[in-house]
């Protein structure tokens, strides 16, 4: 059986992206491969078995197009409302907190935030399926 080990996104400013993922989600560098034309930096924290790979193509100055296929990365937290407030304090401009409760039964509480390269991240409160 296959095991998911990482998801990769391309970034323009590695230091800015490292700071965002560290401050926002507590992800720190676990491994780095540095080559003449590109660098691969893998991020994780103690809660994760999966890593986020940041790929820096050295010398690129134009933002990447996310196309119509990219959706989002999702993380879960204990309290979405307090995390949203923390993100606001950090200046990351999270979107509104949403409670998805069809028929009055809470299925999910979440908000979205965008990273420095325009990637969408869904921050879900630990509840039900999202643990």
N, C-alpha and C. Protein backbone atom coordinates (compact mmCIF):
# COMPACT_ATOMS: atom_id res chain seq x y z
N UNK A 1 0.84 -1.18 0.00
CA UNK A 1 0.00 0.00 0.00
C UNK A 1 0.89 1.24 0.00
N UNK A 2 0.48 2.28 -0.72
CA UNK A 2 1.25 3.51 -0.81
C UNK A 2 1.01 4.40 0.41
N UNK A 3 2.02 5.19 0.74
CA UNK A 3 1.95 6.14 1.86
C UNK A 3 2.24 7.53 1.31
N UNK A 4 1.39 8.50 1.58
CA UNK A 4 1.65 9.88 1.16
C UNK A 4 2.78 10.42 2.02
N UNK A 5 3.81 10.99 1.38
CA UNK A 5 4.97 11.48 2.13
C UNK A 5 5.16 12.99 2.04
N UNK A 6 4.76 13.62 0.93
CA UNK A 6 4.84 15.07 0.86
C UNK A 6 3.98 15.63 -0.26
N UNK A 7 3.73 16.93 -0.15
CA UNK A 7 3.08 17.70 -1.20
C UNK A 7 4.05 18.84 -1.51
N UNK A 8 4.18 19.21 -2.78
CA UNK A 8 5.17 20.22 -3.19
C UNK A 8 4.48 21.46 -3.75
N UNK A 9 5.02 22.61 -3.38
CA UNK A 9 4.62 23.88 -3.99
C UNK A 9 5.88 24.66 -4.36
N UNK A 10 5.78 25.48 -5.40
CA UNK A 10 6.91 26.31 -5.83
C UNK A 10 6.79 27.69 -5.19
N UNK A 11 7.91 28.22 -4.73
CA UNK A 11 7.91 29.51 -4.05
C UNK A 11 8.94 30.45 -4.70
N UNK A 12 8.70 31.75 -4.58
CA UNK A 12 9.63 32.74 -5.14
C UNK A 12 10.65 33.22 -4.12
N UNK A 13 10.24 33.39 -2.88
CA UNK A 13 11.12 33.91 -1.83
C UNK A 13 11.14 32.88 -0.71
N UNK A 14 12.17 32.07 -0.69
CA UNK A 14 12.24 30.96 0.26
C UNK A 14 12.20 31.44 1.71
N UNK A 15 12.94 32.49 2.04
CA UNK A 15 12.94 32.97 3.43
C UNK A 15 11.55 33.44 3.87
N UNK A 16 10.85 34.15 2.99
CA UNK A 16 9.50 34.62 3.32
C UNK A 16 8.54 33.45 3.52
N UNK A 17 8.65 32.44 2.66
CA UNK A 17 7.79 31.26 2.79
C UNK A 17 8.13 30.46 4.04
N UNK A 18 9.41 30.31 4.34
CA UNK A 18 9.80 29.60 5.57
C UNK A 18 9.24 30.30 6.79
N UNK A 19 9.31 31.62 6.82
CA UNK A 19 8.78 32.39 7.96
C UNK A 19 7.27 32.20 8.06
N UNK A 20 6.56 32.27 6.95
CA UNK A 20 5.10 32.11 6.97
C UNK A 20 4.72 30.74 7.53
N UNK A 21 5.27 29.68 7.00
CA UNK A 21 4.88 28.33 7.44
C UNK A 21 5.32 28.03 8.87
N UNK A 22 6.42 28.66 9.32
CA UNK A 22 6.84 28.50 10.71
C UNK A 22 5.89 29.24 11.65
N UNK A 23 5.62 30.51 11.35
CA UNK A 23 4.76 31.32 12.21
C UNK A 23 3.31 30.84 12.18
N UNK A 24 2.80 30.52 11.00
CA UNK A 24 1.39 30.17 10.86
C UNK A 24 1.09 28.76 11.34
N UNK A 25 1.96 27.79 11.01
CA UNK A 25 1.63 26.39 11.26
C UNK A 25 2.66 25.61 12.05
N UNK A 26 3.72 26.28 12.51
CA UNK A 26 4.73 25.59 13.30
C UNK A 26 5.53 24.58 12.50
N UNK A 27 5.59 24.75 11.18
CA UNK A 27 6.37 23.85 10.34
C UNK A 27 7.80 24.36 10.23
N UNK A 28 8.75 23.48 10.47
CA UNK A 28 10.16 23.86 10.38
C UNK A 28 10.87 22.92 9.42
N UNK A 29 12.02 23.36 8.99
CA UNK A 29 12.80 22.61 8.01
C UNK A 29 13.27 21.29 8.60
N UNK A 30 12.99 20.21 7.89
CA UNK A 30 13.45 18.90 8.32
C UNK A 30 14.56 18.37 7.42
N UNK A 31 14.65 18.88 6.19
CA UNK A 31 15.64 18.40 5.24
C UNK A 31 15.75 19.41 4.11
N UNK A 32 16.97 19.59 3.60
CA UNK A 32 17.17 20.51 2.48
C UNK A 32 18.12 19.89 1.48
N UNK A 33 17.76 20.04 0.21
CA UNK A 33 18.63 19.64 -0.89
C UNK A 33 18.86 20.88 -1.73
N UNK A 34 20.12 21.32 -1.82
CA UNK A 34 20.45 22.56 -2.52
C UNK A 34 21.28 22.22 -3.75
N UNK A 35 20.78 22.61 -4.91
CA UNK A 35 21.44 22.36 -6.18
C UNK A 35 21.73 23.70 -6.85
N UNK A 36 22.57 23.73 -7.89
CA UNK A 36 22.90 25.01 -8.52
C UNK A 36 21.67 25.78 -9.03
N UNK A 37 20.69 25.10 -9.59
CA UNK A 37 19.54 25.78 -10.20
C UNK A 37 18.28 25.79 -9.36
N UNK A 38 18.21 24.96 -8.33
CA UNK A 38 17.01 24.88 -7.52
C UNK A 38 17.34 24.32 -6.14
N UNK A 39 16.40 24.53 -5.22
CA UNK A 39 16.53 23.99 -3.85
C UNK A 39 15.20 23.37 -3.46
N UNK A 40 15.28 22.28 -2.70
CA UNK A 40 14.10 21.61 -2.16
C UNK A 40 14.21 21.65 -0.65
N UNK A 41 13.20 22.22 0.01
CA UNK A 41 13.20 22.33 1.46
C UNK A 41 11.93 21.66 1.98
N UNK A 42 12.11 20.69 2.86
CA UNK A 42 11.00 19.91 3.41
C UNK A 42 10.65 20.42 4.80
N UNK A 43 9.36 20.63 5.04
CA UNK A 43 8.88 21.18 6.32
C UNK A 43 7.98 20.17 7.01
N UNK A 44 8.05 20.17 8.34
CA UNK A 44 7.15 19.33 9.14
C UNK A 44 7.14 19.87 10.56
N UNK A 45 6.24 19.31 11.37
CA UNK A 45 6.27 19.52 12.82
C UNK A 45 5.95 18.20 13.48
N UNK A 46 5.94 18.16 14.80
CA UNK A 46 5.77 16.90 15.53
C UNK A 46 4.43 16.23 15.29
N UNK A 47 3.42 17.00 14.82
CA UNK A 47 2.10 16.41 14.57
C UNK A 47 2.01 15.74 13.22
N UNK A 48 3.01 15.94 12.35
CA UNK A 48 2.89 15.49 10.97
C UNK A 48 3.82 14.35 10.61
N UNK A 49 3.26 13.43 9.86
CA UNK A 49 4.05 12.38 9.24
C UNK A 49 4.32 12.75 7.79
N UNK A 50 3.50 13.64 7.24
CA UNK A 50 3.63 14.11 5.87
C UNK A 50 4.39 15.43 5.88
N UNK A 51 5.13 15.72 4.82
CA UNK A 51 5.90 16.95 4.75
C UNK A 51 5.37 17.86 3.64
N UNK A 52 5.65 19.14 3.77
CA UNK A 52 5.41 20.11 2.72
C UNK A 52 6.77 20.41 2.10
N UNK A 53 6.89 20.21 0.81
CA UNK A 53 8.14 20.49 0.10
C UNK A 53 8.01 21.85 -0.58
N UNK A 54 8.91 22.77 -0.22
CA UNK A 54 8.98 24.06 -0.90
C UNK A 54 10.08 23.94 -1.95
N UNK A 55 9.75 24.24 -3.21
CA UNK A 55 10.73 24.19 -4.29
C UNK A 55 11.03 25.61 -4.73
N UNK A 56 12.30 25.97 -4.66
CA UNK A 56 12.76 27.28 -5.10
C UNK A 56 13.54 27.09 -6.39
N UNK A 57 13.04 27.65 -7.49
CA UNK A 57 13.78 27.65 -8.75
C UNK A 57 14.60 28.94 -8.76
N UNK A 58 15.90 28.80 -8.56
CA UNK A 58 16.78 29.96 -8.39
C UNK A 58 16.78 30.83 -9.64
N UNK A 59 16.68 32.13 -9.42
CA UNK A 59 16.69 33.09 -10.51
C UNK A 59 15.32 33.44 -11.05
N UNK A 60 14.31 32.73 -10.66
CA UNK A 60 12.94 33.05 -11.13
C UNK A 60 12.44 34.29 -10.41
N UNK A 61 11.82 35.19 -11.17
CA UNK A 61 11.29 36.42 -10.58
C UNK A 61 9.79 36.58 -10.79
N UNK A 62 9.21 35.82 -11.72
CA UNK A 62 7.77 35.93 -11.99
C UNK A 62 6.98 35.00 -11.09
N UNK A 63 5.86 35.48 -10.56
CA UNK A 63 5.01 34.60 -9.75
C UNK A 63 4.52 33.41 -10.56
N UNK A 64 4.27 32.32 -9.89
CA UNK A 64 3.77 31.11 -10.54
C UNK A 64 2.27 31.22 -10.77
N UNK A 65 1.81 30.61 -11.84
CA UNK A 65 0.39 30.50 -12.10
C UNK A 65 -0.12 29.25 -11.41
N UNK A 66 -1.21 29.37 -10.68
CA UNK A 66 -1.76 28.22 -9.98
C UNK A 66 -2.73 27.44 -10.85
N UNK A 67 -3.06 27.98 -12.02
CA UNK A 67 -3.92 27.28 -12.95
C UNK A 67 -5.30 27.00 -12.36
N UNK A 68 -6.02 26.13 -13.00
CA UNK A 68 -7.36 25.81 -12.52
C UNK A 68 -7.40 24.47 -11.79
N UNK A 69 -6.25 23.83 -11.64
CA UNK A 69 -6.22 22.52 -11.00
C UNK A 69 -5.89 22.54 -9.53
N UNK A 70 -5.17 23.55 -9.06
CA UNK A 70 -4.79 23.60 -7.65
C UNK A 70 -6.00 23.95 -6.80
N UNK A 71 -6.19 23.23 -5.71
CA UNK A 71 -7.28 23.53 -4.80
C UNK A 71 -6.76 24.20 -3.54
N UNK A 72 -6.31 23.40 -2.57
CA UNK A 72 -5.77 23.95 -1.33
C UNK A 72 -5.07 22.86 -0.54
N UNK A 73 -4.29 23.30 0.42
CA UNK A 73 -3.71 22.43 1.45
C UNK A 73 -4.62 22.61 2.66
N UNK A 74 -4.82 21.56 3.46
CA UNK A 74 -5.65 21.69 4.65
C UNK A 74 -4.87 21.25 5.88
N UNK A 75 -5.06 21.97 6.97
CA UNK A 75 -4.49 21.61 8.27
C UNK A 75 -5.61 21.64 9.29
N UNK A 76 -5.44 20.95 10.41
CA UNK A 76 -6.44 21.05 11.48
C UNK A 76 -5.80 21.58 12.74
N UNK A 77 -6.60 22.31 13.51
CA UNK A 77 -6.16 22.95 14.75
C UNK A 77 -7.21 22.72 15.82
N UNK A 78 -6.84 22.94 17.07
CA UNK A 78 -7.78 22.74 18.17
C UNK A 78 -8.90 23.77 18.19
N UNK A 79 -8.59 25.03 17.88
CA UNK A 79 -9.57 26.11 17.98
C UNK A 79 -9.40 27.05 16.79
N UNK A 80 -10.26 26.93 15.80
CA UNK A 80 -10.14 27.72 14.57
C UNK A 80 -10.29 29.22 14.84
N UNK A 81 -11.17 29.60 15.75
CA UNK A 81 -11.39 31.03 16.03
C UNK A 81 -10.14 31.67 16.61
N UNK A 82 -9.50 31.02 17.58
CA UNK A 82 -8.29 31.64 18.14
C UNK A 82 -7.13 31.62 17.17
N UNK A 83 -7.06 30.59 16.33
CA UNK A 83 -6.01 30.57 15.30
C UNK A 83 -6.22 31.70 14.31
N UNK A 84 -7.46 31.94 13.94
CA UNK A 84 -7.76 33.03 13.02
C UNK A 84 -7.34 34.37 13.61
N UNK A 85 -7.63 34.57 14.90
CA UNK A 85 -7.19 35.81 15.57
C UNK A 85 -5.67 35.92 15.56
N UNK A 86 -4.98 34.81 15.82
CA UNK A 86 -3.51 34.81 15.82
C UNK A 86 -2.98 35.17 14.43
N UNK A 87 -3.61 34.63 13.39
CA UNK A 87 -3.20 34.94 12.01
C UNK A 87 -3.39 36.42 11.72
N UNK A 88 -4.50 37.00 12.21
CA UNK A 88 -4.74 38.43 12.02
C UNK A 88 -3.63 39.24 12.68
N UNK A 89 -3.25 38.84 13.90
CA UNK A 89 -2.18 39.53 14.62
C UNK A 89 -0.87 39.46 13.86
N UNK A 90 -0.61 38.32 13.20
CA UNK A 90 0.61 38.15 12.41
C UNK A 90 0.55 38.89 11.07
N UNK A 91 -0.63 39.44 10.71
CA UNK A 91 -0.77 40.18 9.47
C UNK A 91 -1.02 39.31 8.25
N UNK A 92 -1.54 38.11 8.43
CA UNK A 92 -1.74 37.19 7.32
C UNK A 92 -3.13 37.27 6.67
N UNK A 93 -3.99 38.14 7.13
CA UNK A 93 -5.30 38.40 6.52
C UNK A 93 -6.12 37.14 6.26
N UNK A 94 -6.44 36.39 7.30
CA UNK A 94 -7.30 35.22 7.10
C UNK A 94 -8.70 35.65 6.69
N UNK A 95 -9.38 34.78 5.94
CA UNK A 95 -10.77 35.06 5.59
C UNK A 95 -11.67 34.78 6.79
N UNK A 96 -12.94 35.05 6.62
CA UNK A 96 -13.91 34.88 7.71
C UNK A 96 -14.00 33.43 8.18
N UNK A 97 -14.29 33.27 9.46
CA UNK A 97 -14.53 31.95 10.03
C UNK A 97 -15.89 31.46 9.55
N UNK A 98 -15.94 30.22 9.07
CA UNK A 98 -17.16 29.64 8.53
C UNK A 98 -17.56 28.43 9.37
N UNK A 99 -18.83 28.34 9.69
CA UNK A 99 -19.36 27.14 10.32
C UNK A 99 -20.28 26.47 9.32
N UNK A 100 -19.90 25.28 8.89
CA UNK A 100 -20.68 24.51 7.94
C UNK A 100 -21.53 23.54 8.75
N UNK A 101 -22.85 23.85 8.84
CA UNK A 101 -23.75 23.08 9.69
C UNK A 101 -25.09 22.85 9.00
N UNK A 102 -25.09 21.99 7.97
CA UNK A 102 -26.39 21.71 7.35
C UNK A 102 -27.32 21.02 8.35
N UNK A 103 -28.58 21.37 8.30
CA UNK A 103 -29.58 20.81 9.21
C UNK A 103 -29.24 21.04 10.68
N UNK A 104 -28.47 22.11 10.96
CA UNK A 104 -28.14 22.46 12.34
C UNK A 104 -27.07 21.61 12.99
N UNK A 105 -26.49 20.67 12.25
CA UNK A 105 -25.44 19.81 12.81
C UNK A 105 -24.08 20.25 12.28
N UNK A 106 -23.19 20.66 13.20
CA UNK A 106 -21.87 21.15 12.80
C UNK A 106 -21.05 20.04 12.16
N UNK A 107 -20.65 20.28 10.90
CA UNK A 107 -19.75 19.36 10.21
C UNK A 107 -18.33 19.89 10.21
N UNK A 108 -18.19 21.22 10.09
CA UNK A 108 -16.85 21.79 10.03
C UNK A 108 -16.88 23.26 10.42
N UNK A 109 -15.81 23.70 11.07
CA UNK A 109 -15.57 25.11 11.38
C UNK A 109 -14.19 25.41 10.80
N UNK A 110 -14.09 26.44 9.94
CA UNK A 110 -12.83 26.65 9.23
C UNK A 110 -12.71 28.08 8.71
N UNK A 111 -11.49 28.39 8.28
CA UNK A 111 -11.22 29.62 7.53
C UNK A 111 -10.10 29.32 6.54
N UNK A 112 -9.94 30.19 5.58
CA UNK A 112 -8.86 30.07 4.61
C UNK A 112 -7.87 31.21 4.80
N UNK A 113 -6.62 30.94 4.48
CA UNK A 113 -5.57 31.95 4.46
C UNK A 113 -4.73 31.68 3.22
N UNK A 114 -4.10 32.72 2.70
CA UNK A 114 -3.27 32.60 1.52
C UNK A 114 -1.81 32.80 1.91
N UNK A 115 -0.93 31.93 1.42
CA UNK A 115 0.50 32.05 1.74
C UNK A 115 1.13 33.13 0.85
N UNK A 116 2.42 33.46 1.05
CA UNK A 116 3.05 34.54 0.28
C UNK A 116 3.05 34.34 -1.23
N UNK A 117 2.90 33.09 -1.70
CA UNK A 117 2.90 32.82 -3.13
C UNK A 117 1.50 32.60 -3.70
N UNK A 118 0.47 32.87 -2.89
CA UNK A 118 -0.90 32.78 -3.37
C UNK A 118 -1.55 31.41 -3.21
N UNK A 119 -0.91 30.49 -2.50
CA UNK A 119 -1.50 29.17 -2.28
C UNK A 119 -2.53 29.26 -1.16
N UNK A 120 -3.70 28.67 -1.40
CA UNK A 120 -4.77 28.66 -0.42
C UNK A 120 -4.54 27.55 0.60
N UNK A 121 -4.78 27.86 1.87
CA UNK A 121 -4.67 26.89 2.95
C UNK A 121 -5.95 26.96 3.77
N UNK A 122 -6.58 25.81 3.95
CA UNK A 122 -7.79 25.72 4.76
C UNK A 122 -7.39 25.31 6.17
N UNK A 123 -7.84 26.05 7.14
CA UNK A 123 -7.55 25.76 8.54
C UNK A 123 -8.85 25.30 9.19
N UNK A 124 -8.92 24.00 9.46
CA UNK A 124 -10.12 23.36 10.01
C UNK A 124 -9.96 23.09 11.48
N UNK A 125 -11.03 23.27 12.23
CA UNK A 125 -11.02 22.90 13.63
C UNK A 125 -11.15 21.38 13.75
N UNK A 126 -10.39 20.79 14.68
CA UNK A 126 -10.49 19.36 14.91
C UNK A 126 -11.91 19.03 15.35
N UNK A 127 -12.58 18.25 14.52
CA UNK A 127 -13.98 17.90 14.81
C UNK A 127 -14.41 16.84 13.81
N UNK A 128 -15.13 15.87 14.26
CA UNK A 128 -15.68 14.86 13.35
C UNK A 128 -14.59 14.19 12.53
N UNK A 129 -14.72 14.31 11.22
CA UNK A 129 -13.77 13.69 10.30
C UNK A 129 -12.38 14.33 10.37
N UNK A 130 -12.33 15.60 10.75
CA UNK A 130 -11.08 16.37 10.69
C UNK A 130 -10.34 16.33 12.02
N UNK A 131 -9.51 15.34 12.19
CA UNK A 131 -8.74 15.16 13.41
C UNK A 131 -7.29 15.19 13.10
